Structures are given as C-alpha cells and as structure tokens.
C-alpha cells in the first residue's frame, strides 16, 4: 500500500479544513493510501515534521495557505535521496501559487486531483540559501501578508489585505539599492520589488507578467522606483496592472539569477511569510526542482500530454 503524509494547518483561511477533513481522508483512503495525518501547531512545525520524514512516504500532501506549501516544499528540497511527489489542498486567504498551478479552491476537488492528477516539475527559488515557491518581495505593501492578524483574515478574507495595505501607504519609504541581472546593473530608490515564479501575486492575475511558465528555469522580476506626482502613480498602476505602457519608473527582467545590494537592511517577504532583514541578497532558480501534483486538465493545457 502506498504511503502519504498529510500535513495541514487547522487555522488557515477560515479554518474550513476542519469541516472537510473526514471527506478528504476518505478520498485518500479510497485511492489505497495509508495516511498519516499531522495538524501543525506553530510556524515551521510542518517543515520540521516533513524534514524528519525523509524516505517514509510516496506523497507529501499539505493543506493551508502559501506559507504551509512553502514549508512543505522547503522540507522536501532538503531531502538527499529521492523526493516524493507533493500534493496541495489550498485553504489560505489568497493561495497565489495554487491559482498558478490550476489547483481548485474547492478542497474536495483538490483532494481528488491529488490522487487522480498528473505530476509536473516546478522551478523553485533560492533566496540567500532559503527556498521559496513563488515570490520574494520587499517594499510597499509586502509586510501586509505576514502582519495581518489571522483572525482578521478569517473574517474579511482577501479584503483584509487591501485594508491593511491602505493603512500602510503613509509609511512607505523607498530604499536605495543596486540591482544586477542579465549583465545589467540598475541603481535607484525603489519602493517595491518582487522576484516571482507565478501567474498571480496578492490575488492579482498576470501582475508578474505575461507568458509566465513555472518550469522554464526563469524568474519574472519587477522593481518600482520612487515617484512624486499623483499622475505618475496612475500611470504606474496602469503599467503594472494592465501593461498599458512602458514606464521609466519600472524595471523588468526575466532571469535565472539576480543580485541586490541595498544601502541598509530591508525586510523581505517569502511566499507571504517574513523572510528577515537583508542588505545583500542573492537569488537563483532551481529548474524542475520539485514534482507537484496538478489537475489533469491543467497538465494537458500546459502541453505535457
């Protein structure tokens, strides 16, 4: 009988996983998996459990927000031997990476897709040696993802991020830094930057760029310089959200590695979780690093059949 470790965050999103847990386990059992269930108790708890489980399971499945998936993938990346497949049931507030992989927000359907879907190799980012799945970011609004109280997110959902983001506007300050990618060096005062491998960030689709592929060995990078007038802000948002025009305040790059030097330590966010304060950052991508189970229809749309 095949073996599965199922790690889930009981407090993620609106704690709906607790309502569906029995049905999810029935689906796994019906597919002839012997399942070990582990509810997380604290941050990094799931990471430690999975890391200690190397060689014991055919599939590591998890349920929670982007942070839970981050811990799962990071732990699997630490395995020295054969890596098990990774399954994901999203139950967070935004679930950007799940959207990019075509994984259903319906937990029961997501569970079915774990046992009936196809395996896809996904690129994984490495930030100063720490693994992340889909976004490393600094600056404006980034602290909202980890600073918004879980209870607030459970009540208001995605709107909680918007509310907290608006509250942070008066305190946004640029950071002076040098960005190096593809042999090009750009220096300036930046309000925001993100290095991504996703089709959705903060619930906004295509904000990272068009023609994004999660297995092409490349990041999509966006950096926004400081601006003054309200008119500049409108043009800036149009350029980011609607790709209506080129904007001198925006630096884009598509690359497999990037280096950033700031004039001081600045806080970073990795997959919605606090990534520490860093002055010098080196980021590279590991191509097809982890095998994630995706819905069959999504797999076929990617031309994998």
Protein backbone atom coordinates (compact mmCIF):
# COMPACT_ATOMS: atom_id res chain seq x y z
CA UNK A 1 0.00 0.00 0.00
CA UNK A 2 1.23 3.49 -0.89
CA UNK A 3 2.01 5.83 1.98
CA UNK A 4 1.06 9.50 2.36
CA UNK A 5 1.89 12.12 4.98
CA UNK A 6 -0.87 14.74 5.18
CA UNK A 7 0.19 17.93 6.96
CA UNK A 8 -2.44 20.61 7.45
CA UNK A 9 -2.82 23.97 9.18
CA UNK A 10 -6.10 23.83 11.17
CA UNK A 11 -6.25 27.64 11.43
CA UNK A 12 -5.57 28.54 7.81
CA UNK A 13 -8.06 30.72 5.93
CA UNK A 14 -11.41 30.43 7.67
CA UNK A 15 -10.46 27.10 9.24
CA UNK A 16 -12.66 25.30 6.70
CA UNK A 17 -10.30 22.33 6.52
CA UNK A 18 -11.80 21.08 9.78
CA UNK A 19 -15.20 20.80 8.11
CA UNK A 20 -13.88 18.78 5.15
CA UNK A 21 -11.15 16.74 6.81
CA UNK A 22 -13.11 13.49 7.09
CA UNK A 23 -14.14 13.57 3.41
CA UNK A 24 -10.60 14.37 2.30
CA UNK A 25 -9.20 11.41 4.21
CA UNK A 26 -11.88 9.15 2.72
CA UNK A 27 -10.73 10.19 -0.76
CA UNK A 28 -7.12 9.36 0.08
CA UNK A 29 -8.08 6.05 1.67
CA UNK A 30 -10.26 5.04 -1.28
CA UNK A 31 -7.22 5.55 -3.52
CA UNK A 32 -5.43 2.96 -1.35
CA UNK A 33 -3.15 5.32 0.52
CA UNK A 34 -2.13 4.63 4.08
CA UNK A 35 -2.35 8.14 5.50
CA UNK A 36 -0.57 9.69 8.47
CA UNK A 37 -2.25 12.95 9.48
CA UNK A 38 -0.33 15.77 11.15
CA UNK A 39 -2.01 19.07 12.18
CA UNK A 40 0.55 21.84 12.62
CA UNK A 41 0.86 23.63 15.94
CA UNK A 42 3.18 26.53 15.15
CA UNK A 43 5.16 28.18 12.34
CA UNK A 44 7.88 25.88 10.89
CA UNK A 45 6.29 22.93 12.70
CA UNK A 46 5.23 21.34 9.40
CA UNK A 47 8.69 21.91 7.95
CA UNK A 48 10.34 20.01 10.80
CA UNK A 49 7.85 17.13 10.62
CA UNK A 50 8.32 16.69 6.86
CA UNK A 51 12.09 17.06 7.05
CA UNK A 52 12.23 14.25 9.62
CA UNK A 53 10.08 12.02 7.38
CA UNK A 54 12.52 11.51 4.50
CA UNK A 55 12.18 8.14 2.82
CA UNK A 56 8.94 7.18 4.59
CA UNK A 57 6.24 8.39 2.17
CA UNK A 58 5.35 8.28 -1.53
CA UNK A 59 3.43 11.56 -1.34
CA UNK A 60 3.68 14.53 0.99
CA UNK A 61 0.31 16.30 0.88
CA UNK A 62 -0.42 19.54 2.68
CA UNK A 63 -3.29 21.92 3.26
CA UNK A 64 -3.01 25.53 4.33
CA UNK A 65 -2.00 28.83 2.83
CA UNK A 66 1.04 29.71 0.76
CA UNK A 67 3.16 29.57 3.92
CA UNK A 68 2.23 25.93 4.54
CA UNK A 69 3.15 24.99 0.99
CA UNK A 70 6.41 26.91 1.39
CA UNK A 71 7.32 24.84 4.46
CA UNK A 72 6.39 21.61 2.67
CA UNK A 73 8.46 22.29 -0.43
CA UNK A 74 11.39 23.66 1.58
CA UNK A 75 11.50 20.48 3.66
CA UNK A 76 11.32 18.21 0.59
CA UNK A 77 14.13 20.23 -1.01
CA UNK A 78 16.32 19.24 1.95
CA UNK A 79 15.95 15.52 1.13
CA UNK A 80 19.20 13.98 -0.05
CA UNK A 81 17.56 10.94 -1.67
CA UNK A 82 14.57 10.55 -3.96
CA UNK A 83 11.99 13.27 -3.44
CA UNK A 84 8.31 12.29 -3.02
CA UNK A 85 5.53 13.94 -5.00
CA UNK A 86 3.92 16.97 -3.39
CA UNK A 87 0.13 17.43 -3.25
CA UNK A 88 -1.61 20.64 -2.18
CA UNK A 89 -5.09 21.50 -0.92
CA UNK A 90 -5.29 25.31 -0.64
CA UNK A 91 -7.14 26.67 2.37
CA UNK A 92 -5.50 30.07 2.80
CA UNK A 93 -6.78 33.55 2.07
CA UNK A 94 -5.14 34.21 -1.31
CA UNK A 95 -3.47 30.97 -2.48
CA UNK A 96 -1.49 32.56 -5.33
CA UNK A 97 0.66 29.55 -6.16
CA UNK A 98 -2.34 27.22 -6.25
CA UNK A 99 -4.01 29.53 -8.77
CA UNK A 100 -0.90 29.41 -10.93
CA UNK A 101 -0.97 25.60 -10.90
CA UNK A 102 -4.67 25.36 -11.70
CA UNK A 103 -5.39 23.76 -8.32
CA UNK A 104 -9.04 24.06 -7.32
CA UNK A 105 -10.13 26.22 -4.39
CA UNK A 106 -12.71 23.51 -3.70
CA UNK A 107 -10.93 21.38 -1.10
CA UNK A 108 -12.72 18.17 -2.03
CA UNK A 109 -11.85 18.59 -5.71
CA UNK A 110 -8.26 19.47 -4.80
CA UNK A 111 -8.08 16.23 -2.79
CA UNK A 112 -9.39 14.23 -5.74
CA UNK A 113 -6.82 15.86 -8.00
CA UNK A 114 -4.02 14.72 -5.69
CA UNK A 115 -4.94 11.07 -6.27
CA UNK A 116 -6.09 11.46 -9.90
CA UNK A 117 -3.86 14.26 -11.24
CA UNK A 118 -0.53 14.39 -13.04
CA UNK A 119 2.94 15.25 -11.80
CA UNK A 120 4.59 18.44 -13.00
CA UNK A 121 8.14 19.57 -12.33
CA UNK A 122 8.20 23.10 -10.87
CA UNK A 123 11.03 25.57 -10.54
CA UNK A 124 11.94 26.65 -7.00
CA UNK A 125 13.65 29.87 -5.95
CA UNK A 126 16.59 30.11 -3.56
CA UNK A 127 16.94 33.31 -1.55
CA UNK A 128 20.31 33.57 0.23
CA UNK A 129 20.13 29.79 0.55
CA UNK A 130 16.48 29.66 1.70
CA UNK A 131 13.92 28.05 -0.63
CA UNK A 132 10.73 29.75 -1.75
CA UNK A 133 8.00 28.74 -4.19
CA UNK A 134 6.69 31.79 -5.98
CA UNK A 135 7.55 35.26 -4.67
CA UNK A 136 10.34 37.08 -2.87
CA UNK A 137 9.46 40.75 -2.36
CA UNK A 138 10.34 43.90 -0.47
CA UNK A 139 8.85 47.34 -0.02
CA UNK A 140 5.36 48.73 -0.37
CA UNK A 141 2.55 46.52 0.96
CA UNK A 142 4.75 43.42 1.32
CA UNK A 143 4.57 43.34 5.11
CA UNK A 144 0.78 43.16 4.87
CA UNK A 145 0.84 39.44 4.07
CA UNK A 146 2.55 38.45 7.32
CA UNK A 147 1.45 41.37 9.57
CA UNK A 148 -2.30 40.97 9.03
CA UNK A 149 -3.75 39.06 12.02
CA UNK A 150 -5.08 35.57 11.17
CA UNK A 151 -8.42 36.34 12.85
CA UNK A 152 -8.80 39.43 10.66
CA UNK A 153 -8.07 37.35 7.54
CA UNK A 154 -10.55 34.69 8.62
CA UNK A 155 -13.33 37.28 8.94
CA UNK A 156 -12.67 39.51 5.94
CA UNK A 157 -10.77 37.19 3.58
CA UNK A 158 -8.79 38.87 0.79
CA UNK A 159 -10.24 42.29 1.73
CA UNK A 160 -8.17 42.11 4.92
CA UNK A 161 -5.00 42.51 2.82
CA UNK A 162 -6.44 45.50 0.98
CA UNK A 163 -7.48 47.20 4.23
CA UNK A 164 -4.11 46.66 5.86
CA UNK A 165 -2.35 47.78 2.67
CA UNK A 166 -4.19 51.09 2.57
CA UNK A 167 -3.25 51.71 6.20
CA UNK A 168 0.44 51.32 5.31
CA UNK A 169 0.51 53.93 2.49
CA UNK A 170 1.57 56.92 4.67
CA UNK A 171 4.59 54.98 5.95
CA UNK A 172 6.03 53.79 2.63
CA UNK A 173 9.64 54.88 2.14
CA UNK A 174 11.97 53.98 -0.75
CA UNK A 175 15.21 52.03 -0.35
CA UNK A 176 18.35 52.87 -2.29
CA UNK A 177 19.83 49.81 -3.96
CA UNK A 178 21.69 48.35 -6.92
CA UNK A 179 20.03 45.53 -8.87
CA UNK A 180 22.11 43.24 -11.12
CA UNK A 181 20.50 40.85 -13.61
CA UNK A 182 21.47 39.54 -17.05
CA UNK A 183 24.68 41.57 -17.03
CA UNK A 184 22.73 44.80 -16.46
CA UNK A 185 23.04 46.99 -13.36
CA UNK A 186 20.29 49.40 -12.28
CA UNK A 187 20.66 51.80 -9.35
CA UNK A 188 17.93 53.88 -7.73
CA UNK A 189 15.49 54.47 -4.90
CA UNK A 190 12.97 51.64 -5.05
CA UNK A 191 9.55 51.48 -3.41
CA UNK A 192 8.92 47.86 -4.28
CA UNK A 193 10.49 44.82 -5.87
CA UNK A 194 9.48 41.22 -6.49
CA UNK A 195 11.21 38.19 -7.95
CA UNK A 196 8.49 35.72 -8.90
CA UNK A 197 7.63 32.38 -10.44
CA UNK A 198 3.85 32.70 -10.51
CA UNK A 199 0.90 33.97 -12.54
CA UNK A 200 -0.76 35.60 -9.52
CA UNK A 201 0.53 37.79 -6.70
CA UNK A 202 -1.70 39.10 -3.93
CA UNK A 203 -4.72 37.79 -5.82
CA UNK A 204 -3.91 39.86 -8.92
CA UNK A 205 -3.51 37.72 -12.02
CA UNK A 206 -0.72 38.49 -14.54
CA UNK A 207 0.80 41.17 -12.30
CA UNK A 208 4.15 39.39 -12.60
CA UNK A 209 3.97 39.47 -16.40
CA UNK A 210 2.54 37.57 -19.34
CA UNK A 211 3.63 34.21 -20.77
CA UNK A 212 4.76 33.02 -17.36
CA UNK A 213 5.82 29.38 -17.13
CA UNK A 214 6.57 27.68 -13.84
CA UNK A 215 9.08 25.22 -15.34
CA UNK A 216 11.17 27.34 -17.72
CA UNK A 217 14.05 27.98 -15.31
CA UNK A 218 13.43 31.75 -15.24
CA UNK A 219 12.14 34.33 -12.77
CA UNK A 220 9.96 37.32 -13.64
CA UNK A 221 11.33 40.40 -11.82
CA UNK A 222 9.63 43.77 -11.29
CA UNK A 223 11.14 46.76 -9.48
CA UNK A 224 9.38 50.10 -8.96
CA UNK A 225 11.31 53.32 -8.40
CA UNK A 226 10.09 56.18 -6.24
CA UNK A 227 7.77 58.74 -7.86
CA UNK A 228 6.25 62.08 -6.89
CA UNK A 229 3.05 63.21 -8.57
CA UNK A 230 -0.38 61.59 -8.31
CA UNK A 231 -0.40 61.46 -12.12
CA UNK A 232 2.74 59.33 -12.02
CA UNK A 233 1.00 56.97 -9.60
CA UNK A 234 -1.93 56.46 -12.00
CA UNK A 235 0.39 55.73 -14.92
CA UNK A 236 2.42 53.43 -12.73
CA UNK A 237 -0.59 51.35 -11.69
CA UNK A 238 -1.81 51.13 -15.29
CA UNK A 239 1.61 49.91 -16.38
CA UNK A 240 1.70 47.27 -13.64
CA UNK A 241 -1.89 46.02 -13.65
CA UNK A 242 -2.86 46.48 -17.30
CA UNK A 243 0.51 46.54 -19.09
CA UNK A 244 -0.74 49.63 -20.96
CA UNK A 245 2.58 51.39 -21.39
CA UNK A 246 6.26 51.32 -20.69
CA UNK A 247 7.15 53.33 -17.61
CA UNK A 248 10.60 54.72 -16.70
CA UNK A 249 9.88 54.04 -13.03
CA UNK A 250 9.57 50.29 -13.63
CA UNK A 251 12.46 47.88 -14.23
CA UNK A 252 11.54 44.44 -15.60
CA UNK A 253 13.83 41.45 -16.05
CA UNK A 254 13.47 37.76 -16.88
CA UNK A 255 16.43 35.88 -15.47
CA UNK A 256 17.67 32.78 -13.65
CA UNK A 257 19.64 34.73 -11.05
CA UNK A 258 19.70 38.21 -9.58
CA UNK A 259 21.76 40.12 -7.02
CA UNK A 260 20.63 43.10 -4.94
CA UNK A 261 22.67 45.41 -2.73
CA UNK A 262 20.85 47.93 -0.53
CA UNK A 263 22.32 50.78 1.49
CA UNK A 264 20.75 49.29 4.65
CA UNK A 265 18.94 46.18 5.88
CA UNK A 266 15.42 45.94 4.46
CA UNK A 267 12.65 43.45 5.34
CA UNK A 268 11.74 40.79 2.78
CA UNK A 269 8.72 38.54 2.34
CA UNK A 270 8.99 34.97 1.02
CA UNK A 271 5.71 33.35 -0.07
CA UNK A 272 3.73 35.60 2.26
CA UNK A 273 5.95 34.99 5.31
CA UNK A 274 8.60 37.22 6.86
CA UNK A 275 11.96 36.46 5.24
CA UNK A 276 14.19 38.52 7.52
CA UNK A 277 16.01 41.82 7.03
CA UNK A 278 18.78 41.73 4.42
CA UNK A 279 21.23 44.19 2.91
CA UNK A 280 22.75 41.87 0.31
CA UNK A 281 20.56 39.37 -1.49
CA UNK A 282 21.45 36.67 -4.00
CA UNK A 283 18.58 34.78 -5.65
CA UNK A 284 18.76 31.92 -8.12
CA UNK A 285 16.27 29.44 -9.52
CA UNK A 286 16.47 25.66 -9.44
CA UNK A 287 14.80 24.27 -12.55
CA UNK A 288 12.22 21.47 -12.14
CA UNK A 289 13.27 21.04 -8.52
CA UNK A 290 10.05 19.58 -7.09
CA UNK A 291 7.33 17.34 -8.57
CA UNK A 292 3.93 18.82 -7.69
CA UNK A 293 0.66 17.06 -8.48
CA UNK A 294 -1.63 19.22 -10.62
CA UNK A 295 -5.12 18.65 -12.09
CA UNK A 296 -5.09 16.59 -15.27
CA UNK A 297 -6.82 19.35 -17.26
CA UNK A 298 -4.16 21.89 -16.26
CA UNK A 299 -1.40 19.41 -17.15
CA UNK A 300 -2.88 18.91 -20.62
CA UNK A 301 -3.29 22.67 -21.16
CA UNK A 302 0.42 23.08 -20.50
CA UNK A 303 1.09 20.68 -23.35
CA UNK A 304 2.52 17.99 -21.07
CA UNK A 305 0.47 15.13 -22.51
